[in-house]
Amino acid sequence: MNFCTQCGEKLSYIIPHDDDRARYVCDACGHIHYQNPLIVVVTIPCHEDKVLMCKRAIEPRYGRWTLPGGFMENDETTHEGALRETREEANARVRLHDIYTLYSLPHINQVHLFFRSELLDLDFSAGDETMEVKLFSEEEIPWDEIAFMPVQATLEHYFRDRKKNHFPMHCGEVKIDPSTEKRVLHPL
């Protein structure tokens, strides 16, 4: 950030009084510009023993498979965002159940919430950001083509829990390993 959204003057990146981290602070009016993580809402749309997945038509991870989801918008609930994203990416209608997995990704300032859900019908198709949508059984999932770590972990939990018909909430975090510079998913 370079300029204040309140008055248009220059910003400094400093630790404000009574704070513990650097923030953008306006040199003129003193307004503190807080930046907080973005929330990504995702569904796990199920039909019988299969899960609906989307092949991405956008970056990041163009051409990889994921579950329908995306960033929450202002003035919507997590449920509304998850339903909207599922319609936008897969033209699918779902009934949401509980939050099933939650992953923190501090290296990109995001929190991912995955909701178990069931397809209300089989009338689905690729949305603008999707090149293909398909129902997969556990054996059919293209595991080496999954776009994101939290999606893969969520699917692994889902198929394991489905066998027991017990779906406890799972939490984890994706952090950068300083020794390898690679992302590592840690369950909590």
Foldseek 3Di string as FASTA:
>chain_A
DAADPVPGAGWDFQADPPGDHTFTAHPPPGDTDDDAFWEKEFEQEDDDQWTKWFQFCDDDLHRFIFTFIGTDDPPDDSVVRHQVSCCQAKVFGKDWDDFQEWEAEVVRRYIYTYTYIYTPDPPIFGHPGTDTMDIDHPVRDPLVRHRDPVRSVSVVLVNVCVVVVDGHHWYWYWDQDVVVRDIDIGTD
